């Protein structure tokens, strides 16, 4: 009876030790940010509480592939260094290869036990057992947990195996968490290094990111002309950053201590635009209860930015011309000229030369404005900048919305091959939307495909300065819809180029497209640019498809 009571007390003590161990392992998993310290503590407690001694965790070396001791308790540095095994070599190598537990009840009677790490002479001179348990992730062994124990102990081997299975699983989780943290840290370090490199470029401090030759050419011109007094005309599609360039010109000029005044000529009704520009005297018209200083006078000594000047009413064009020629301004209802020292920077998405030829814009004003022409390249002509801009916007909106989001593999390639009719403004909108719609902290290819498909259905009224495009259908394409809409229904110009204003929809790459791509390239005599036009794709989209299908 006393023996039974003693055994019960022993079993109870053993269970309490096991519970203590597992609770401590769970605590370490939840709190420790140092996997080395956490695993060392786990191995130490196994030895102290359960007599599972000289615990070691072996993991494959990333360079040699050899299984090596990465974590250990009770082993010297020399013993850890000696503990190296090929896959399938010895008991430990077999556990790693097969994913099966190994229980060696007497290491002296097991030829496969190599005693490589710990020399037999250093172990107790009695029967010593060895247990090796696989550490598994996604049903595949990623390492081995090994321990020694004395065979004579009253504790059952099955009890040790049960505990070691649980501990190996928890160690696997510790390693997995550490791997995810390391991957995320590497991504952030890479992105920060990339962004920092970009921020060292000429325009980054002014909010203009990019390293493409097209943008560098513009920035070079800006630095050359910033300190002159010449009028500047900035052209380019909507969303290309014309106002940012205007602000950059002002900030690096000698006028930077004086005001930068911006006015969008298309956003203000024609009957109010004159008052906004020139100001008015009290009583100059009904409702003018007090005098008002116009934007031109407010910009005295600084820079006046006239955005969308191509939309300025013809009646005001002559008055702006007088400001440029005589450097004076006369408020509405006033009788005297007020001298002004103002530099005018104008911008438009329109082709002003065509507007002049159509009688919609004054020729003399065009010549006054076009002293220094700067053309902002469209995003589709800055493909090498899309990656940098995407990372910049991703970083901005993860901070704005307080979400930690990363891009899955393949997302950046999809962004780089999209046509971006809305330019940088559209790219920014897409990235913010993707951040808000992302799940589990990742933006996947399925989500970005869905967003880009929606974006491709938008047909801007003006793409560059061309005519309005035909609207895209509202419904998503059916399986029978041709992969390349440019080959069916979208008429091409006589030179083979797709008509301006056509937005090429973004679609996933399918293996069934391969023959159509080959045929188009063959018809064009190997000219891939012409083949892309015939298919209703940009050359960049064609190259992407060829690469994905292994045809490049």
Protein backbone atom coordinates (compact mmCIF):
# COMPACT_ATOMS: atom_id res chain seq x y z
CA UNK A 1 0.00 0.00 0.00
CA UNK A 2 2.86 2.28 0.91
CA UNK A 3 4.57 1.42 -2.40
CA UNK A 4 1.40 2.33 -4.28
CA UNK A 5 1.13 5.65 -2.44
CA UNK A 6 4.77 6.38 -3.18
CA UNK A 7 4.25 5.64 -6.88
CA UNK A 8 1.19 7.89 -6.93
CA UNK A 9 3.16 10.69 -5.35
CA UNK A 10 5.95 10.15 -7.87
CA UNK A 11 3.51 10.20 -10.80
CA UNK A 12 1.89 13.33 -9.41
CA UNK A 13 5.26 15.05 -9.07
CA UNK A 14 6.17 14.00 -12.62
CA UNK A 15 2.91 15.40 -14.02
CA UNK A 16 3.46 18.65 -12.17
CA UNK A 17 6.97 18.89 -13.61
CA UNK A 18 5.64 18.28 -17.11
CA UNK A 19 2.97 20.94 -16.66
CA UNK A 20 5.54 23.39 -15.29
CA UNK A 21 7.77 22.75 -18.32
CA UNK A 22 4.99 23.17 -20.88
CA UNK A 23 3.64 26.33 -19.22
CA UNK A 24 7.11 27.84 -19.28
CA UNK A 25 7.58 26.88 -22.94
CA UNK A 26 4.24 28.53 -23.79
CA UNK A 27 5.26 31.65 -21.86
CA UNK A 28 8.57 31.85 -23.68
CA UNK A 29 6.84 31.50 -27.05
CA UNK A 30 4.53 34.39 -26.25
CA UNK A 31 7.11 36.75 -24.77
CA UNK A 32 10.57 36.07 -26.05
CA UNK A 33 11.88 37.94 -29.06
CA UNK A 34 15.18 36.06 -28.92
CA UNK A 35 14.78 32.48 -30.22
CA UNK A 36 18.28 31.52 -29.07
CA UNK A 37 17.53 32.47 -25.47
CA UNK A 38 14.04 30.91 -25.59
CA UNK A 39 15.21 27.54 -26.92
CA UNK A 40 18.20 27.48 -24.53
CA UNK A 41 15.78 28.01 -21.64
CA UNK A 42 13.47 25.24 -22.89
CA UNK A 43 16.34 22.74 -23.20
CA UNK A 44 17.61 23.70 -19.76
CA UNK A 45 14.23 23.11 -18.13
CA UNK A 46 13.93 19.69 -19.82
CA UNK A 47 17.21 18.72 -18.20
CA UNK A 48 16.47 20.17 -14.77
CA UNK A 49 12.85 19.00 -14.45
CA UNK A 50 12.69 15.78 -16.45
CA UNK A 51 16.27 14.53 -16.68
CA UNK A 52 16.33 14.87 -20.47
CA UNK A 53 19.95 15.96 -20.68
CA UNK A 54 22.25 17.55 -23.25
CA UNK A 55 19.34 18.67 -25.37
CA UNK A 56 20.24 19.94 -28.80
CA UNK A 57 18.31 21.32 -31.78
CA UNK A 58 19.86 20.51 -35.15
CA UNK A 59 18.94 22.47 -38.28
CA UNK A 60 20.19 22.27 -41.90
CA UNK A 61 23.04 24.63 -42.67
CA UNK A 62 21.86 26.95 -45.50
CA UNK A 63 25.24 26.77 -47.26
CA UNK A 64 26.32 23.13 -46.96
CA UNK A 65 22.98 21.44 -46.29
CA UNK A 66 24.61 19.54 -43.38
CA UNK A 67 22.52 19.03 -40.26
CA UNK A 68 24.27 21.02 -37.51
CA UNK A 69 23.66 21.79 -33.86
CA UNK A 70 22.15 25.27 -33.75
CA UNK A 71 20.88 25.32 -30.14
CA UNK A 72 22.09 23.24 -27.18
CA UNK A 73 22.14 22.96 -23.40
CA UNK A 74 24.99 21.19 -21.57
CA UNK A 75 27.26 20.90 -24.61
CA UNK A 76 30.65 22.55 -25.00
CA UNK A 77 31.49 24.65 -28.04
CA UNK A 78 33.72 21.84 -29.33
CA UNK A 79 30.89 19.30 -28.97
CA UNK A 80 28.47 21.59 -30.78
CA UNK A 81 31.00 22.05 -33.57
CA UNK A 82 31.46 18.27 -33.98
CA UNK A 83 27.70 17.65 -34.21
CA UNK A 84 27.37 17.72 -37.99
CA UNK A 85 25.49 15.06 -40.02
CA UNK A 86 24.55 14.43 -43.61
CA UNK A 87 20.93 13.66 -44.41
CA UNK A 88 20.32 10.05 -43.35
CA UNK A 89 23.65 9.77 -41.52
CA UNK A 90 23.52 8.26 -38.05
CA UNK A 91 20.45 8.26 -35.84
CA UNK A 92 19.98 12.03 -36.06
CA UNK A 93 20.35 12.12 -39.84
CA UNK A 94 17.82 9.29 -40.15
CA UNK A 95 15.26 11.18 -38.07
CA UNK A 96 15.67 14.18 -40.34
CA UNK A 97 15.36 12.11 -43.50
CA UNK A 98 12.39 9.98 -42.48
CA UNK A 99 10.54 12.33 -40.15
CA UNK A 100 10.22 9.42 -37.67
CA UNK A 101 11.07 9.37 -33.96
CA UNK A 102 14.19 7.42 -32.96
CA UNK A 103 14.40 5.79 -29.50
CA UNK A 104 17.78 4.21 -28.73
CA UNK A 105 17.52 2.55 -25.32
CA UNK A 106 21.25 1.74 -25.12
CA UNK A 107 23.61 3.80 -27.25
CA UNK A 108 26.43 1.27 -26.68
CA UNK A 109 24.45 -1.42 -28.51
CA UNK A 110 23.35 0.70 -31.49
CA UNK A 111 25.86 0.73 -34.39
CA UNK A 112 24.02 3.62 -36.05
CA UNK A 113 24.58 5.83 -33.01
CA UNK A 114 27.82 7.65 -33.92
CA UNK A 115 28.65 9.44 -30.61
CA UNK A 116 30.03 12.22 -32.81
CA UNK A 117 29.09 15.30 -30.81
CA UNK A 118 29.40 13.95 -27.24
CA UNK A 119 32.22 11.46 -26.62
CA UNK A 120 31.00 8.32 -24.84
CA UNK A 121 33.68 8.72 -22.17
CA UNK A 122 32.13 11.97 -20.98
CA UNK A 123 28.73 10.36 -20.35
CA UNK A 124 27.81 8.44 -17.16
CA UNK A 125 29.27 4.94 -17.05
CA UNK A 126 25.89 3.26 -17.08
CA UNK A 127 23.23 2.59 -19.70
CA UNK A 128 22.45 5.80 -21.57
CA UNK A 129 19.52 6.22 -23.95
CA UNK A 130 19.11 8.69 -26.83
CA UNK A 131 15.83 10.07 -28.21
CA UNK A 132 15.57 11.99 -31.48
CA UNK A 133 12.30 13.73 -32.42
CA UNK A 134 11.65 15.52 -35.74
CA UNK A 135 10.73 19.22 -35.67
CA UNK A 136 8.00 19.53 -38.26
CA UNK A 137 6.48 22.43 -40.22
CA UNK A 138 3.81 21.95 -42.87
CA UNK A 139 4.19 18.18 -42.48
CA UNK A 140 7.88 18.33 -43.41
CA UNK A 141 10.82 17.87 -40.99
CA UNK A 142 12.88 21.05 -40.67
CA UNK A 143 15.14 19.92 -37.84
CA UNK A 144 15.73 17.43 -35.03
CA UNK A 145 15.38 17.69 -31.24
CA UNK A 146 17.75 15.23 -29.53
CA UNK A 147 18.32 14.38 -25.83
CA UNK A 148 20.13 11.85 -23.62
CA UNK A 149 18.60 10.17 -20.56
CA UNK A 150 19.61 7.44 -18.16
CA UNK A 151 17.82 4.20 -18.86
CA UNK A 152 17.50 3.23 -15.17
CA UNK A 153 15.19 6.16 -14.35
CA UNK A 154 11.75 5.11 -13.15
CA UNK A 155 10.07 7.50 -15.58
CA UNK A 156 8.57 5.71 -18.61
CA UNK A 157 10.06 6.28 -22.08
CA UNK A 158 6.55 6.89 -23.45
CA UNK A 159 6.12 9.81 -21.04
CA UNK A 160 9.35 11.34 -22.37
CA UNK A 161 8.25 10.81 -25.96
CA UNK A 162 4.92 12.54 -25.32
CA UNK A 163 6.62 15.57 -23.80
CA UNK A 164 9.29 15.74 -26.50
CA UNK A 165 6.66 15.70 -29.25
CA UNK A 166 4.94 18.69 -27.71
CA UNK A 167 8.21 20.55 -27.05
CA UNK A 168 9.45 19.86 -30.61
CA UNK A 169 6.21 21.29 -31.97
CA UNK A 170 6.58 24.41 -29.83
CA UNK A 171 10.21 24.85 -30.82
CA UNK A 172 9.05 24.59 -34.44
CA UNK A 173 6.64 27.46 -33.77
CA UNK A 174 9.41 29.54 -32.18
CA UNK A 175 11.57 28.97 -35.25
CA UNK A 176 8.66 29.78 -37.58
CA UNK A 177 7.89 33.04 -35.78
CA UNK A 178 11.55 34.00 -35.91
CA UNK A 179 11.65 33.19 -39.64
CA UNK A 180 8.62 35.39 -40.33
CA UNK A 181 10.12 38.24 -38.31
CA UNK A 182 13.41 37.88 -40.15
CA UNK A 183 11.67 37.88 -43.54
CA UNK A 184 9.59 40.93 -42.65
CA UNK A 185 12.63 42.73 -41.26
CA UNK A 186 14.59 41.95 -44.43
CA UNK A 187 11.72 43.30 -46.54
CA UNK A 188 11.57 46.51 -44.52
CA UNK A 189 15.36 46.95 -44.60
CA UNK A 190 15.36 46.41 -48.36
CA UNK A 191 12.48 48.84 -48.90
CA UNK A 192 14.02 51.45 -46.60
CA UNK A 193 17.36 51.15 -48.37
CA UNK A 194 15.61 51.45 -51.73
CA UNK A 195 13.59 54.47 -50.63
CA UNK A 196 16.62 56.12 -49.03
CA UNK A 197 18.55 55.67 -52.26
CA UNK A 198 15.69 57.25 -54.15
CA UNK A 199 15.47 60.12 -51.70
CA UNK A 200 19.04 61.03 -52.60
CA UNK A 201 17.97 61.87 -56.15
CA UNK A 202 17.59 65.45 -57.39
CA UNK A 203 13.83 65.79 -57.02
CA UNK A 204 13.06 63.56 -54.03
CA UNK A 205 13.18 66.32 -51.43
CA UNK A 206 10.50 68.12 -53.43
CA UNK A 207 8.21 65.10 -53.58
CA UNK A 208 9.28 63.98 -57.06
CA UNK A 209 10.42 60.36 -56.96
CA UNK A 210 11.99 58.55 -59.87
CA UNK A 211 15.24 57.56 -61.50
CA UNK A 212 14.13 56.95 -65.08
CA UNK A 213 16.02 58.74 -67.87
CA UNK A 214 12.85 60.61 -68.89
CA UNK A 215 12.37 62.11 -65.42
CA UNK A 216 16.07 62.79 -64.91
CA UNK A 217 16.06 64.83 -68.11
CA UNK A 218 13.25 67.02 -66.77
CA UNK A 219 14.95 67.47 -63.40
CA UNK A 220 18.18 68.44 -65.10
CA UNK A 221 16.36 71.16 -67.04
CA UNK A 222 14.64 72.38 -63.88
CA UNK A 223 17.96 72.88 -62.11
CA UNK A 224 19.33 74.67 -65.15
CA UNK A 225 16.49 77.20 -65.48
CA UNK A 226 15.31 77.63 -61.87
CA UNK A 227 17.30 80.81 -61.19
CA UNK A 228 16.34 82.52 -64.43
CA UNK A 229 13.32 84.84 -64.68
CA UNK A 230 11.99 83.17 -67.82
CA UNK A 231 8.40 81.97 -68.06
CA UNK A 232 7.99 78.19 -68.00
CA UNK A 233 5.29 76.10 -69.71
CA UNK A 234 4.89 72.59 -68.26
CA UNK A 235 2.98 70.10 -70.41
CA UNK A 236 1.97 66.51 -69.80
CA UNK A 237 -0.95 64.23 -68.99
CA UNK A 238 -3.07 64.79 -65.92
CA UNK A 239 -1.56 63.15 -62.87
CA UNK A 240 2.08 63.37 -63.98
CA UNK A 241 3.14 65.86 -61.30
CA UNK A 242 3.14 69.21 -63.11
CA UNK A 243 2.37 71.23 -59.98
CA UNK A 244 5.14 69.47 -58.04
CA UNK A 245 7.61 70.50 -60.73
CA UNK A 246 6.32 74.08 -60.56
CA UNK A 247 6.82 74.13 -56.78
CA UNK A 248 10.29 72.66 -57.19
CA UNK A 249 11.22 75.44 -59.63
CA UNK A 250 10.09 78.00 -57.06
CA UNK A 251 11.81 76.38 -54.09
CA UNK A 252 15.24 76.14 -55.71
CA UNK A 253 15.03 79.61 -57.24
CA UNK A 254 16.07 82.90 -55.65
CA UNK A 255 12.37 83.67 -55.20
CA UNK A 256 11.86 80.88 -52.66
CA UNK A 257 11.47 83.31 -49.73
CA UNK A 258 8.49 84.95 -51.45
CA UNK A 259 5.01 83.46 -52.10
CA UNK A 260 4.15 80.60 -54.41
CA UNK A 261 0.57 81.24 -55.54
CA UNK A 262 -1.32 78.51 -57.40
CA UNK A 263 -4.52 78.92 -59.41
CA UNK A 264 -6.34 76.28 -61.46
CA UNK A 265 -7.86 78.07 -64.46
CA UNK A 266 -10.23 75.17 -65.18
CA UNK A 267 -11.62 74.98 -61.64
CA UNK A 268 -13.00 78.53 -61.39
CA UNK A 269 -16.00 79.83 -63.37
CA UNK A 270 -15.03 82.26 -66.14
CA UNK A 271 -16.91 85.18 -64.57
CA UNK A 272 -14.96 84.79 -61.31
CA UNK A 273 -11.54 83.96 -62.76
CA UNK A 274 -10.71 87.55 -63.68
CA UNK A 275 -11.42 88.75 -60.14
CA UNK A 276 -9.31 85.92 -58.71
CA UNK A 277 -6.39 86.84 -60.94
CA UNK A 278 -6.49 90.65 -60.94
CA UNK A 279 -8.50 91.49 -57.84
CA UNK A 280 -11.08 94.27 -57.73
CA UNK A 281 -11.82 97.62 -56.15
CA UNK A 282 -14.67 98.18 -53.74
CA UNK A 283 -17.94 98.63 -55.65
CA UNK A 284 -16.44 97.44 -58.92
CA UNK A 285 -19.46 95.20 -59.44
CA UNK A 286 -22.51 93.99 -57.55
CA UNK A 287 -21.39 92.21 -54.40
CA UNK A 288 -17.92 93.81 -54.33
CA UNK A 289 -18.38 95.24 -50.84
CA UNK A 290 -14.67 95.56 -50.27
CA UNK A 291 -11.46 95.65 -52.26
CA UNK A 292 -9.72 92.39 -53.02
CA UNK A 293 -6.09 91.73 -53.93
CA UNK A 294 -5.73 89.37 -56.88
CA UNK A 295 -3.50 86.32 -57.08
CA UNK A 296 -1.05 88.06 -59.39
CA UNK A 297 -0.42 90.84 -56.88
CA UNK A 298 -0.23 88.35 -54.01
CA UNK A 299 2.57 86.56 -55.88
CA UNK A 300 4.64 89.77 -56.15
CA UNK A 301 8.30 88.86 -55.77
CA UNK A 302 7.49 85.16 -56.02
CA UNK A 303 5.97 82.69 -58.46
CA UNK A 304 2.47 82.48 -59.95
CA UNK A 305 1.47 78.99 -61.08
CA UNK A 306 -1.36 78.94 -63.60
CA UNK A 307 -2.53 75.35 -63.86
CA UNK A 308 -4.60 74.23 -66.89
CA UNK A 309 -3.98 77.52 -68.64
CA UNK A 310 -5.27 75.92 -71.85
CA UNK A 311 -8.77 76.27 -70.36
CA UNK A 312 -8.45 80.01 -69.70
CA UNK A 313 -11.24 82.04 -71.42
CA UNK A 314 -10.05 83.88 -74.52
CA UNK A 315 -11.06 87.25 -73.06
CA UNK A 316 -8.60 86.81 -70.18
CA UNK A 317 -5.75 85.59 -72.36
CA UNK A 318 -5.04 89.11 -73.62
CA UNK A 319 -4.91 90.45 -70.05
CA UNK A 320 -2.45 87.75 -68.98
CA UNK A 321 -0.38 88.61 -72.04
CA UNK A 322 -0.20 92.24 -70.86
CA UNK A 323 1.00 91.10 -67.43
CA UNK A 324 3.78 89.09 -69.06
CA UNK A 325 4.78 91.91 -71.42
CA UNK A 326 4.49 94.99 -69.19
CA UNK A 327 4.70 93.51 -65.69
CA UNK A 328 1.69 95.48 -64.45
CA UNK A 329 -1.74 94.49 -63.19
CA UNK A 330 -4.93 96.55 -63.03
CA UNK A 331 -7.69 95.39 -60.63
CA UNK A 332 -11.28 95.32 -61.91
CA UNK A 333 -12.76 98.78 -61.41
CA UNK A 334 -9.31 100.31 -60.91
CA UNK A 335 -7.82 103.14 -62.93
CA UNK A 336 -4.11 102.71 -62.36
CA UNK A 337 -1.58 100.06 -63.15
CA UNK A 338 0.17 98.33 -60.26
CA UNK A 339 3.69 97.10 -61.07
CA UNK A 340 4.36 93.47 -60.17
CA UNK A 341 7.51 91.38 -60.11
CA UNK A 342 6.19 87.89 -60.67
CA UNK A 343 7.48 84.84 -62.46
CA UNK A 344 4.78 82.88 -64.28
CA UNK A 345 4.90 79.10 -64.51
CA UNK A 346 1.98 77.68 -66.49
CA UNK A 347 0.85 74.11 -67.04
CA UNK A 348 -1.61 72.30 -69.29
CA UNK A 349 -2.52 68.79 -70.36
CA UNK A 350 -3.66 70.14 -73.73
CA UNK A 351 -1.66 70.51 -76.93
CA UNK A 352 -1.53 74.32 -77.07
CA UNK A 353 -0.14 74.29 -80.60
CA UNK A 354 -3.29 72.51 -81.77
CA UNK A 355 -5.38 74.93 -79.73
CA UNK A 356 -3.65 77.86 -81.46
CA UNK A 357 -4.29 76.33 -84.89
CA UNK A 358 -7.95 75.82 -83.94
CA UNK A 359 -8.26 79.47 -82.87
CA UNK A 360 -8.85 78.52 -79.24
CA UNK A 361 -5.65 79.99 -77.82
CA UNK A 362 -3.77 83.20 -78.64
CA UNK A 363 -0.59 82.68 -80.61
CA UNK A 364 1.17 85.64 -78.97
CA UNK A 365 0.36 84.35 -75.49
CA UNK A 366 1.59 80.90 -76.46
CA UNK A 367 4.96 82.35 -77.47
CA UNK A 368 5.17 84.31 -74.21
CA UNK A 369 4.46 81.22 -72.16
CA UNK A 370 6.55 78.77 -74.14
CA UNK A 371 9.91 80.41 -73.42
CA UNK A 372 11.07 77.34 -71.51
CA UNK A 373 8.99 74.25 -72.31
CA UNK A 374 9.12 71.30 -69.91
CA UNK A 375 7.28 68.07 -70.72
CA UNK A 376 6.39 65.72 -67.85
CA UNK A 377 6.62 62.11 -69.08
CA UNK A 378 3.62 59.85 -68.60
CA UNK A 379 4.00 57.00 -66.11
CA UNK A 380 3.80 54.49 -68.97
CA UNK A 381 7.06 56.06 -70.22
CA UNK A 382 8.65 55.72 -66.78
CA UNK A 383 8.27 51.98 -66.24
CA UNK A 384 11.46 51.79 -64.19
CA UNK A 385 9.98 54.22 -61.64
CA UNK A 386 6.81 52.22 -60.95
CA UNK A 387 8.53 49.96 -58.41
CA UNK A 388 9.94 52.92 -56.47
CA UNK A 389 6.67 54.86 -56.52
CA UNK A 390 4.69 51.78 -55.48
CA UNK A 391 6.92 51.19 -52.48
CA UNK A 392 6.67 54.87 -51.56
CA UNK A 393 2.85 54.86 -51.65
CA UNK A 394 2.69 51.50 -49.85
CA UNK A 395 4.88 52.90 -47.08
CA UNK A 396 2.78 56.07 -46.89
CA UNK A 397 -0.60 54.37 -46.61
CA UNK A 398 0.49 51.63 -44.21
CA UNK A 399 1.50 54.48 -41.88
CA UNK A 400 -1.60 56.60 -42.61
CA UNK A 401 -4.01 53.74 -41.90
CA UNK A 402 -1.87 52.05 -39.25
CA UNK A 403 -1.71 48.73 -41.11
CA UNK A 404 1.37 46.59 -41.64
CA UNK A 405 1.05 45.39 -45.25
CA UNK A 406 3.49 43.80 -47.72
CA UNK A 407 3.23 42.84 -51.39
CA UNK A 408 3.15 39.18 -52.44
CA UNK A 409 5.37 37.90 -55.24
CA UNK A 410 4.03 38.84 -58.66
CA UNK A 411 2.17 41.98 -57.54
CA UNK A 412 4.94 44.38 -58.53
CA UNK A 413 5.18 42.79 -61.99
CA UNK A 414 1.46 43.40 -62.53
CA UNK A 415 1.82 47.03 -61.51
CA UNK A 416 4.76 47.46 -63.88
CA UNK A 417 2.88 46.13 -66.90
CA UNK A 418 -0.32 48.16 -66.43
CA UNK A 419 -0.75 51.13 -68.80
CA UNK A 420 -1.65 53.77 -66.12
CA UNK A 421 -3.76 56.24 -68.14
CA UNK A 422 -4.24 58.18 -64.89
CA UNK A 423 -0.49 58.26 -64.26
CA UNK A 424 0.97 58.71 -60.76
CA UNK A 425 -2.33 59.88 -59.30
CA UNK A 426 -3.96 56.64 -60.44
CA UNK A 427 -1.09 54.48 -59.12
CA UNK A 428 -1.36 56.18 -55.73
CA UNK A 429 -5.12 55.56 -55.64
CA UNK A 430 -4.67 51.88 -56.53
CA UNK A 431 -2.07 51.35 -53.78
CA UNK A 432 -4.20 53.01 -51.12
CA UNK A 433 -7.21 50.92 -52.15
CA UNK A 434 -5.11 47.75 -52.08
CA UNK A 435 -3.88 48.55 -48.57
CA UNK A 436 -7.44 49.07 -47.33
CA UNK A 437 -8.76 45.89 -48.99
CA UNK A 438 -5.80 43.67 -48.05
CA UNK A 439 -6.21 40.75 -45.67
CA UNK A 440 -3.76 39.10 -43.28
CA UNK A 441 -1.24 41.88 -43.86
CA UNK A 442 -0.57 41.00 -47.51
CA UNK A 443 -1.61 42.35 -50.90
CA UNK A 444 -1.98 39.32 -53.16
CA UNK A 445 -2.05 38.97 -56.93
CA UNK A 446 -5.78 38.14 -56.94
CA UNK A 447 -6.61 41.43 -55.20
CA UNK A 448 -4.38 43.53 -57.45
CA UNK A 449 -5.77 41.77 -60.56
CA UNK A 450 -9.29 42.67 -59.46
CA UNK A 451 -8.38 46.31 -58.80
CA UNK A 452 -6.49 46.72 -62.08
CA UNK A 453 -9.34 45.15 -64.01
CA UNK A 454 -11.70 47.73 -62.52
CA UNK A 455 -9.24 50.49 -63.37
CA UNK A 456 -8.90 49.28 -66.96
CA UNK A 457 -12.63 49.78 -67.50
CA UNK A 458 -12.23 53.52 -66.90
CA UNK A 459 -11.87 55.40 -70.19
CA UNK A 460 -10.42 58.89 -69.61
CA UNK A 461 -11.78 61.66 -71.79
CA UNK A 462 -8.26 62.61 -72.82
CA UNK A 463 -5.32 60.27 -72.87
CA UNK A 464 -2.39 62.60 -73.51
CA UNK A 465 -3.96 65.13 -75.85
CA UNK A 466 -5.88 62.67 -78.03
CA UNK A 467 -9.61 62.30 -78.55
CA UNK A 468 -11.91 60.65 -76.06
CA UNK A 469 -11.77 56.90 -76.02
CA UNK A 470 -14.73 54.63 -76.47
CA UNK A 471 -16.11 53.56 -73.10
CA UNK A 472 -15.24 50.10 -71.89
CA UNK A 473 -18.16 47.73 -71.24
CA UNK A 474 -19.35 47.59 -67.66
CA UNK A 475 -19.53 43.82 -67.50
CA UNK A 476 -16.48 41.72 -66.85
CA UNK A 477 -15.24 39.80 -69.92
CA UNK A 478 -16.74 36.39 -70.51
CA UNK A 479 -14.54 33.35 -71.12
CA UNK A 480 -15.23 33.78 -74.86
CA UNK A 481 -13.97 37.37 -74.89
CA UNK A 482 -10.78 37.62 -76.99
CA UNK A 483 -7.65 37.82 -74.86
CA UNK A 484 -6.51 40.92 -76.73
CA UNK A 485 -9.36 43.37 -77.42
CA UNK A 486 -7.19 45.38 -79.76
CA UNK A 487 -7.47 42.61 -82.36
CA UNK A 488 -11.27 42.59 -82.42
CA UNK A 489 -13.33 45.76 -82.55
CA UNK A 490 -10.70 48.37 -81.57
CA UNK A 491 -9.67 49.94 -84.84
CA UNK A 492 -6.01 50.70 -85.34
CA UNK A 493 -4.53 53.66 -87.13
CA UNK A 494 -3.10 53.23 -90.58
CA UNK A 495 0.40 53.15 -89.12
CA UNK A 496 -0.53 50.14 -87.01
CA UNK A 497 -0.53 51.97 -83.67
CA UNK A 498 -3.52 51.77 -81.41
CA UNK A 499 -5.50 54.98 -81.48
CA UNK A 500 -4.76 57.53 -78.75
CA UNK A 501 -7.12 57.39 -75.82
CA UNK A 502 -7.57 53.60 -75.95
CA UNK A 503 -7.05 52.14 -72.49
CA UNK A 504 -5.70 48.62 -72.73
CA UNK A 505 -7.45 46.48 -70.09
CA UNK A 506 -5.34 44.52 -67.66
CA UNK A 507 -5.92 40.77 -67.90
CA UNK A 508 -4.23 37.76 -66.38
CA UNK A 509 -1.81 35.80 -68.53
CA UNK A 510 -3.23 32.50 -69.81
CA UNK A 511 -1.36 29.65 -71.49
CA UNK A 512 -3.90 29.76 -74.32
CA UNK A 513 -2.46 33.13 -75.41
CA UNK A 514 0.87 31.65 -76.54
CA UNK A 515 -0.19 30.84 -80.11
CA UNK A 516 -1.80 34.26 -80.56
CA UNK A 517 1.38 35.98 -79.39
CA UNK A 518 3.54 33.92 -81.76
CA UNK A 519 1.23 34.63 -84.69
CA UNK A 520 1.27 38.38 -84.02
CA UNK A 521 5.07 38.47 -83.83
CA UNK A 522 5.33 36.43 -87.02
CA UNK A 523 2.88 38.74 -88.86
CA UNK A 524 4.91 41.78 -87.80
CA UNK A 525 8.15 40.27 -89.10
CA UNK A 526 9.56 39.94 -85.58
CA UNK A 527 8.82 43.57 -84.66
CA UNK A 528 7.48 43.19 -81.11
CA UNK A 529 6.39 46.81 -80.83
CA UNK A 530 4.20 46.45 -83.92
CA UNK A 531 2.95 43.07 -82.65
CA UNK A 532 1.96 44.66 -79.34
CA UNK A 533 0.05 47.40 -81.16
CA UNK A 534 -1.78 44.86 -83.29
CA UNK A 535 -2.81 42.99 -80.14
CA UNK A 536 -3.99 46.13 -78.35
CA UNK A 537 -1.17 45.84 -75.80
CA UNK A 538 1.67 48.10 -74.79
CA UNK A 539 5.13 46.76 -75.64
CA UNK A 540 5.71 46.36 -71.89
CA UNK A 541 2.59 44.20 -71.54
CA UNK A 542 3.66 42.05 -74.49
CA UNK A 543 7.15 41.53 -73.05
CA UNK A 544 5.62 40.55 -69.70
CA UNK A 545 3.35 37.98 -71.34
CA UNK A 546 6.19 36.52 -73.40
CA UNK A 547 8.30 36.19 -70.26
CA UNK A 548 5.52 34.56 -68.22
CA UNK A 549 4.82 32.05 -71.01
CA UNK A 550 8.50 31.25 -71.55
CA UNK A 551 8.53 32.75 -75.05
CA UNK A 552 10.95 35.62 -74.41
